[in-house]
Structure formats: structure tokens, C-alpha cells
Amino acid sequence: LDRGIAQVSGALEEIRRVSHGLRPALLDDLGLAPALTLLTSQIQESSGIAVRFVRIGAPDVLPAEQATALFRISQEALQNACQHAQAKQIDVVLRGSPYSVALNIVDDGRGFDLHRVSSDGSKGIGLRNMRERAESLGGALTVSSSGRGTRIEVWLRREAPMPPSRHRAATKTIDVAALALERGPDADLQST
């Protein structure tokens, strides 16, 4: 029995590894923002939970690896919220700046004990997969959870799409929130 369980566990791990790299055809056909619009609509319809997607300054086109990672992270986070959180509302927000893209998934569910889930090797596989996806692209993923809900934040660096002369002019008017988005989740804004 133990050997059988070990073989099944190994097979599941291999399936996760292979599926980790697969790119949904939906991204090729529509792009990330329209794919997230469709995903959130489908989740709302199937779960009965109010799911809202908001796009703020996000680029129309991202590198394939980033779009895939953000889409898969969204799928996992939405699935977790539907299955475990008992949420009534889920917000998915995609934001972009010239140098970064961020994804926030926030629910108003019951939350969970992040420490317990993180320390138990048999739980939190989805959270680990989401973190690995972000980190494999040089990004970061943070999770916070309480009795009032869960917030998953993903940040990925982008290559600058505009010439340096235009960027210098644009950065003169950038606000603190956009500056934090550009510099990443651990930025020190006091020296700005």
C-alpha cells in the first residue's frame, strides 16, 4: 500500500511539473486581459460567487511566460477561493506600468492559517506552485490571510517598452503607488 501511494504521489508530481509549463490556447487567441475576463466570468457563473476583473494600465501583450504564469496563478487562486474560502466576492486586478505588471486576487472569505498551511508539507501545494511560477520569472508572490479574507499579490518585472527619453518625462509625473509597483514589493520609497 505504501509503495502504491508513493507511486501515485510521484505520478501526481510529474503531472504538476508537466502542466506547470503548458500554455493555455486561450492566451494565444485572446491575450491575458481578455482571457482573465473570460475566466472570471466562467468562475462567477459556475460558483455563484461575485467575481470582478479590473485592468489598470496593464499591457495588451506580455511575454508568453509571464502571461501563462499570471493566468495559471489566477486559476489556482480563484479555485482556492471557491473551494475553501466561502467567499461572496472575489476581485482580480491586473495592473501594469512600463517596468512591471502586478496581479492581485482578493476574496472576502473566511481566510486560513498561513503559517499552518506553509509548515504542513501535505497542504498548500497550490500556494507553493503559485510562488514558484512567480519566482521562476524573477518576480514575487505574497499571501496574506485573516478572518476577513485572503489577498494574493504577484509582481513581475517587465522590459521597458518606451525609449529612455520618453520614460524620463513619464517618471516625473508618476505617483508613489506606481513607483512602488515599478520597484517591487520590497521597495524602500523613503529615499525617493
Protein backbone atom coordinates (compact mmCIF):
# COMPACT_ATOMS: atom_id res chain seq x y z
CA LEU A 1 0.00 0.00 0.00
CA ASP A 2 2.80 2.43 0.91
CA ARG A 3 4.57 1.71 -2.37
CA GLY A 4 1.34 2.32 -4.29
CA ILE A 5 0.78 5.63 -2.52
CA ALA A 6 4.36 6.65 -3.26
CA GLN A 7 3.91 5.81 -6.96
CA VAL A 8 0.67 7.80 -7.17
CA SER A 9 2.33 10.74 -5.40
CA GLY A 10 5.22 10.57 -7.85
CA ALA A 11 2.84 10.47 -10.81
CA LEU A 12 0.90 13.46 -9.48
CA GLU A 13 4.13 15.39 -9.02
CA GLU A 14 5.13 14.61 -12.61
CA ILE A 15 1.71 15.74 -13.87
CA ARG A 16 2.08 19.01 -11.95
CA ARG A 17 5.56 19.52 -13.37
CA VAL A 18 4.41 18.97 -16.96
CA SER A 19 1.22 21.03 -16.63
CA HIS A 20 3.22 23.82 -14.96
CA GLY A 21 4.74 24.64 -18.35
CA LEU A 22 1.68 24.25 -20.56
CA ARG A 23 0.29 27.39 -22.13
CA PRO A 24 -3.49 27.67 -22.49
CA ALA A 25 -4.52 28.26 -26.12
CA LEU A 26 -6.88 30.93 -24.78
CA LEU A 27 -3.88 33.19 -24.14
CA ASP A 28 -2.68 32.86 -27.72
CA ASP A 29 -6.16 33.55 -29.08
CA LEU A 30 -7.18 36.43 -26.80
CA GLY A 31 -4.28 37.73 -24.72
CA LEU A 32 -4.08 37.85 -20.91
CA ALA A 33 -6.67 40.50 -20.03
CA PRO A 34 -9.46 39.06 -22.23
CA ALA A 35 -8.57 35.55 -21.01
CA LEU A 36 -8.89 36.73 -17.39
CA THR A 37 -12.19 38.41 -18.24
CA LEU A 38 -13.49 35.11 -19.61
CA LEU A 39 -12.06 33.09 -16.69
CA THR A 40 -13.63 35.32 -14.04
CA SER A 41 -16.95 35.25 -15.88
CA GLN A 42 -16.88 31.45 -16.04
CA ILE A 43 -15.95 31.17 -12.34
CA GLN A 44 -18.78 33.51 -11.39
CA GLU A 45 -21.27 31.55 -13.47
CA SER A 46 -20.22 28.13 -12.16
CA SER A 47 -19.77 29.10 -8.49
CA GLY A 48 -22.41 31.77 -7.92
CA ILE A 49 -19.72 33.94 -6.28
CA ALA A 50 -19.47 37.55 -7.46
CA VAL A 51 -16.15 37.76 -9.32
CA ARG A 52 -14.91 41.08 -10.70
CA PHE A 53 -11.98 41.62 -13.06
CA VAL A 54 -10.34 45.04 -13.32
CA ARG A 55 -7.50 46.02 -15.64
CA ILE A 56 -5.49 49.14 -14.79
CA GLY A 57 -2.79 50.18 -17.24
CA ALA A 58 -1.82 46.60 -17.98
CA PRO A 59 -0.15 45.99 -21.32
CA ASP A 60 -2.03 44.38 -24.17
CA VAL A 61 0.82 41.96 -24.78
CA LEU A 62 3.14 40.30 -22.27
CA PRO A 63 5.88 37.76 -22.87
CA ALA A 64 4.30 34.30 -23.17
CA GLU A 65 5.91 33.02 -19.95
CA GLN A 66 4.55 35.93 -17.91
CA ALA A 67 1.05 35.71 -19.38
CA THR A 68 0.96 31.96 -18.73
CA ALA A 69 2.20 32.35 -15.15
CA LEU A 70 -0.31 35.09 -14.33
CA PHE A 71 -3.16 33.14 -15.89
CA ARG A 72 -2.29 29.92 -14.04
CA ILE A 73 -1.86 31.79 -10.75
CA SER A 74 -5.29 33.35 -11.29
CA GLN A 75 -6.82 29.93 -11.95
CA GLU A 76 -5.31 28.46 -8.79
CA ALA A 77 -6.22 31.42 -6.58
CA LEU A 78 -9.80 31.52 -7.87
CA GLN A 79 -10.17 27.76 -7.44
CA ASN A 80 -8.88 28.01 -3.85
CA ALA A 81 -11.25 30.86 -3.07
CA CYS A 82 -14.22 28.95 -4.49
CA GLN A 83 -13.41 25.65 -2.78
CA HIS A 84 -12.15 26.77 0.61
CA ALA A 85 -12.88 30.41 1.41
CA GLN A 86 -16.68 30.56 1.45
CA ALA A 87 -16.25 33.94 -0.25
CA LYS A 88 -19.09 36.10 -1.50
CA GLN A 89 -16.85 38.43 -3.57
CA ILE A 90 -13.55 37.93 -5.38
CA ASP A 91 -11.68 40.76 -7.08
CA VAL A 92 -8.97 40.12 -9.68
CA VAL A 93 -6.93 43.23 -10.52
CA LEU A 94 -4.28 43.31 -13.26
CA ARG A 95 -2.05 46.42 -13.16
CA GLY A 96 0.80 47.49 -15.30
CA SER A 97 3.49 50.12 -15.56
CA PRO A 98 6.32 50.47 -18.05
CA TYR A 99 8.53 48.28 -15.85
CA SER A 100 6.25 45.84 -14.05
CA VAL A 101 2.97 44.01 -14.02
CA ALA A 102 1.06 43.06 -10.89
CA LEU A 103 -1.86 40.78 -10.23
CA ASN A 104 -3.96 40.91 -7.06
CA ILE A 105 -6.62 38.35 -6.19
CA VAL A 106 -8.63 39.34 -3.12
CA ASP A 107 -11.55 37.49 -1.57
CA ASP A 108 -13.81 38.27 1.38
CA GLY A 109 -13.87 34.66 2.62
CA ARG A 110 -13.01 33.12 5.94
CA GLY A 111 -9.26 33.10 5.34
CA PHE A 112 -6.85 30.46 6.58
CA ASP A 113 -3.86 29.99 8.89
CA LEU A 114 -0.99 30.77 6.54
CA HIS A 115 1.67 29.51 8.96
CA ARG A 116 -0.06 26.16 9.46
CA VAL A 117 -0.58 25.63 5.73
CA SER A 118 3.00 26.67 4.92
CA SER A 119 4.54 24.37 7.52
CA ASP A 120 2.45 21.31 6.57
CA GLY A 121 4.06 19.65 3.55
CA SER A 122 0.80 17.97 2.52
CA LYS A 123 -1.11 21.26 2.33
CA GLY A 124 -0.62 24.44 0.38
CA ILE A 125 0.65 22.80 -2.80
CA GLY A 126 -1.27 25.34 -4.88
CA LEU A 127 0.28 28.22 -2.93
CA ARG A 128 3.76 26.78 -3.46
CA ASN A 129 3.07 26.32 -7.18
CA MET A 130 1.91 29.94 -7.48
CA ARG A 131 5.02 31.19 -5.66
CA GLU A 132 7.30 29.01 -7.83
CA ARG A 133 5.69 30.38 -11.01
CA ALA A 134 6.31 33.98 -9.94
CA GLU A 135 9.83 33.37 -8.66
CA SER A 136 10.84 31.38 -11.76
CA LEU A 137 10.31 34.62 -13.71
CA GLY A 138 12.22 36.79 -11.23
CA GLY A 139 9.02 38.01 -9.58
CA ALA A 140 7.47 37.72 -6.17
CA LEU A 141 4.25 36.43 -4.67
CA THR A 142 2.89 37.41 -1.28
CA VAL A 143 -0.09 35.97 0.55
CA SER A 144 -1.94 37.47 3.49
CA SER A 145 -4.99 35.97 5.10
CA SER A 146 -7.27 36.70 8.03
CA GLY A 147 -10.82 36.03 9.09
CA ARG A 148 -11.87 38.77 6.64
CA GLY A 149 -10.38 37.17 3.55
CA THR A 150 -7.25 36.39 1.59
CA ARG A 151 -5.06 38.58 -0.62
CA ILE A 152 -2.62 37.15 -3.15
CA GLU A 153 -0.28 39.63 -4.79
CA VAL A 154 2.01 38.81 -7.69
CA TRP A 155 4.63 41.15 -9.07
CA LEU A 156 6.70 40.60 -12.24
CA ARG A 157 9.32 42.87 -13.80
CA ARG A 158 8.86 43.92 -17.45
CA GLU A 159 11.29 45.21 -20.02
CA ALA A 160 10.83 48.91 -20.76
CA PRO A 161 8.64 49.32 -23.86
CA MET A 162 9.35 53.02 -24.37
CA PRO A 163 12.59 54.85 -25.25
CA PRO A 164 14.58 56.28 -22.30
CA SER A 165 13.82 59.92 -23.23
CA ARG A 166 10.04 59.31 -23.06
CA HIS A 167 10.43 57.31 -19.87
CA ARG A 168 12.27 60.16 -18.10
CA ALA A 169 9.39 62.52 -18.90
CA ALA A 170 6.81 59.97 -17.80
CA THR A 171 8.51 59.24 -14.48
CA LYS A 172 8.29 62.91 -13.43
CA THR A 173 4.54 62.53 -13.04
CA ILE A 174 4.45 59.06 -11.56
CA ASP A 175 2.81 58.73 -8.14
CA VAL A 176 4.09 56.80 -5.13
CA ALA A 177 1.85 53.79 -5.76
CA ALA A 178 3.12 53.42 -9.32
CA LEU A 179 6.69 53.86 -8.09
CA ALA A 180 6.19 51.04 -5.60
CA LEU A 181 4.76 48.88 -8.37
CA GLU A 182 7.81 49.54 -10.54
CA ARG A 183 10.34 48.82 -7.81
CA GLY A 184 8.69 45.72 -6.47
CA PRO A 185 7.07 44.59 -3.26
CA ASP A 186 10.09 45.24 -1.01
CA ALA A 187 10.92 48.73 -2.31
CA ASP A 188 12.16 51.46 0.02
CA LEU A 189 10.25 54.57 -1.03
CA GLN A 190 11.72 56.80 1.69
CA SER A 191 14.80 57.60 -0.41
CA THR A 192 12.66 58.86 -3.32
